[in-house]
Each structure stands twice: as C-alpha cells, then as structure tokens.
C-alpha cells in the first residue's frame, strides 16, 4: 500500500558502520500526526528535504521505503 505524505524531519545515524535514516513524516490525510520510522540508506531517497512530498510504501503497517512523490508539475 502506498500513502502520500510530507517529510517532517530526518536524522542520519550509523549502526555497525552502516548508515540509517530516522525519518519523521505525516500522511497527507492527517497532517497533525507526526509518525517516525527507521530505514536503511537504500530504502530512503537521501536527497529529500524537510517539506518535500513523499510516497510511503507500507506492508502490514510497516514502512518498507520512502521515496520522492511524483508530482504533475515536476514530472519526476
């Protein structure tokens, strides 16, 4: 399942020499509730900035990845 959201913040940390991201985000339909997850570097687009629209991929209520949302204006 994919949900549209907004990136609210992120922290990079190392675990056994491997970079991970602690990601803070909101869903588009509930902008008041800030959620967080921890993702490996390969599961998060590292060039995202706070406020960017994102696409959150869930499986069984667990975040699998967060990517930049494709917008009609940007075509990306």
C-alpha atoms as a PDB file:
ATOM      1  CA  UNK A   1       0.000   0.000   0.000  1.00  0.00           C
ATOM      2  CA  UNK A   2       1.312   3.449  -0.889  1.00  0.00           C
ATOM      3  CA  UNK A   3       0.359   6.611   1.001  1.00  0.00           C
ATOM      4  CA  UNK A   4       1.100  10.236   0.076  1.00  0.00           C
ATOM      5  CA  UNK A   5       2.774  12.280   2.794  1.00  0.00           C
ATOM      6  CA  UNK A   6       5.218  15.023   3.697  1.00  0.00           C
ATOM      7  CA  UNK A   7       8.714  14.738   5.137  1.00  0.00           C
ATOM      8  CA  UNK A   8       8.859  16.472   8.525  1.00  0.00           C
ATOM      9  CA  UNK A   9      12.438  15.675   9.518  1.00  0.00           C
ATOM     10  CA  UNK A  10      15.251  13.131   9.400  1.00  0.00           C
ATOM     11  CA  UNK A  11      18.310  12.066  11.314  1.00  0.00           C
ATOM     12  CA  UNK A  12      21.183  10.025   9.935  1.00  0.00           C
ATOM     13  CA  UNK A  13      22.850   7.556  12.267  1.00  0.00           C
ATOM     14  CA  UNK A  14      25.305   4.694  11.959  1.00  0.00           C
ATOM     15  CA  UNK A  15      24.571   1.150  13.095  1.00  0.00           C
ATOM     16  CA  UNK A  16      27.537  -1.232  12.880  1.00  0.00           C
ATOM     17  CA  UNK A  17      29.132   1.075  10.320  1.00  0.00           C
ATOM     18  CA  UNK A  18      26.036   1.180   8.092  1.00  0.00           C
ATOM     19  CA  UNK A  19      24.114   4.473   7.598  1.00  0.00           C
ATOM     20  CA  UNK A  20      20.419   4.516   8.516  1.00  0.00           C
ATOM     21  CA  UNK A  21      17.776   7.245   8.496  1.00  0.00           C
ATOM     22  CA  UNK A  22      15.334   8.008  11.293  1.00  0.00           C
ATOM     23  CA  UNK A  23      12.510   9.622   9.330  1.00  0.00           C
ATOM     24  CA  UNK A  24       9.696  11.808  10.668  1.00  0.00           C
ATOM     25  CA  UNK A  25       6.697  12.185   8.347  1.00  0.00           C
ATOM     26  CA  UNK A  26       2.975  12.888   8.134  1.00  0.00           C
ATOM     27  CA  UNK A  27       0.240  11.431   5.953  1.00  0.00           C
ATOM     28  CA  UNK A  28      -1.497  13.831   3.606  1.00  0.00           C
ATOM     29  CA  UNK A  29      -4.910  12.998   5.118  1.00  0.00           C
ATOM     30  CA  UNK A  30      -3.684  13.525   8.731  1.00  0.00           C
ATOM     31  CA  UNK A  31      -1.087  16.342   8.754  1.00  0.00           C
ATOM     32  CA  UNK A  32      -1.308  16.812  12.549  1.00  0.00           C
ATOM     33  CA  UNK A  33       0.049  13.329  13.427  1.00  0.00           C
ATOM     34  CA  UNK A  34       3.828  13.027  13.042  1.00  0.00           C
ATOM     35  CA  UNK A  35       4.998   9.427  12.592  1.00  0.00           C
ATOM     36  CA  UNK A  36       8.519   8.045  12.549  1.00  0.00           C
ATOM     37  CA  UNK A  37      10.391   5.041  11.211  1.00  0.00           C
ATOM     38  CA  UNK A  38      13.968   3.885  10.764  1.00  0.00           C
ATOM     39  CA  UNK A  39      15.137   2.859   7.311  1.00  0.00           C
ATOM     40  CA  UNK A  40      18.329   1.620   5.743  1.00  0.00           C
ATOM     41  CA  UNK A  41      20.011   4.086   3.405  1.00  0.00           C
ATOM     42  CA  UNK A  42      18.847   2.102   0.350  1.00  0.00           C
ATOM     43  CA  UNK A  43      15.168   2.434   1.373  1.00  0.00           C
ATOM     44  CA  UNK A  44      15.107   6.254   1.598  1.00  0.00           C
ATOM     45  CA  UNK A  45      15.830   8.917  -1.013  1.00  0.00           C
ATOM     46  CA  UNK A  46      18.675  10.754   0.713  1.00  0.00           C
ATOM     47  CA  UNK A  47      18.234  13.974  -1.266  1.00  0.00           C
ATOM     48  CA  UNK A  48      14.803  14.681   0.244  1.00  0.00           C
ATOM     49  CA  UNK A  49      14.436  17.884   2.251  1.00  0.00           C
ATOM     50  CA  UNK A  50      12.011  18.776   5.034  1.00  0.00           C
ATOM     51  CA  UNK A  51       8.666  19.731   3.496  1.00  0.00           C
ATOM     52  CA  UNK A  52       9.091  17.589   0.360  1.00  0.00           C
ATOM     53  CA  UNK A  53       6.141  15.457  -0.750  1.00  0.00           C
ATOM     54  CA  UNK A  54       6.857  11.751  -0.268  1.00  0.00           C
ATOM     55  CA  UNK A  55       5.390   8.377  -1.115  1.00  0.00           C
ATOM     56  CA  UNK A  56       5.398   5.939   1.820  1.00  0.00           C
ATOM     57  CA  UNK A  57       5.218   2.224   0.998  1.00  0.00           C
ATOM     58  CA  UNK A  58       3.694   0.044   3.720  1.00  0.00           C
ATOM     59  CA  UNK A  59       3.384  -3.714   4.133  1.00  0.00           C
ATOM     60  CA  UNK A  60       1.397  -4.942   7.138  1.00  0.00           C
ATOM     61  CA  UNK A  61       1.583  -1.483   8.787  1.00  0.00           C
ATOM     62  CA  UNK A  62       5.387  -1.461   8.481  1.00  0.00           C
ATOM     63  CA  UNK A  63       7.203   1.165   6.383  1.00  0.00           C
ATOM     64  CA  UNK A  64       9.238  -0.542   3.663  1.00  0.00           C
ATOM     65  CA  UNK A  65      10.525   2.566   1.891  1.00  0.00           C
ATOM     66  CA  UNK A  66      10.051   6.298   1.465  1.00  0.00           C
ATOM     67  CA  UNK A  67      10.613   7.875  -1.928  1.00  0.00           C
ATOM     68  CA  UNK A  68      10.099  11.279  -3.504  1.00  0.00           C
ATOM     69  CA  UNK A  69       6.477  11.675  -4.631  1.00  0.00           C
ATOM     70  CA  UNK A  70       5.976  12.218  -8.337  1.00  0.00           C
ATOM     71  CA  UNK A  71       4.170  15.489  -8.954  1.00  0.00           C
ATOM     72  CA  UNK A  72       2.462  16.560 -12.148  1.00  0.00           C
ATOM     73  CA  UNK A  73       4.368  19.865 -12.157  1.00  0.00           C
ATOM     74  CA  UNK A  74       7.823  18.339 -11.858  1.00  0.00           C
ATOM     75  CA  UNK A  75       7.238  15.258 -13.999  1.00  0.00           C
ATOM     76  CA  UNK A  76       9.720  13.384 -11.815  1.00  0.00           C
END
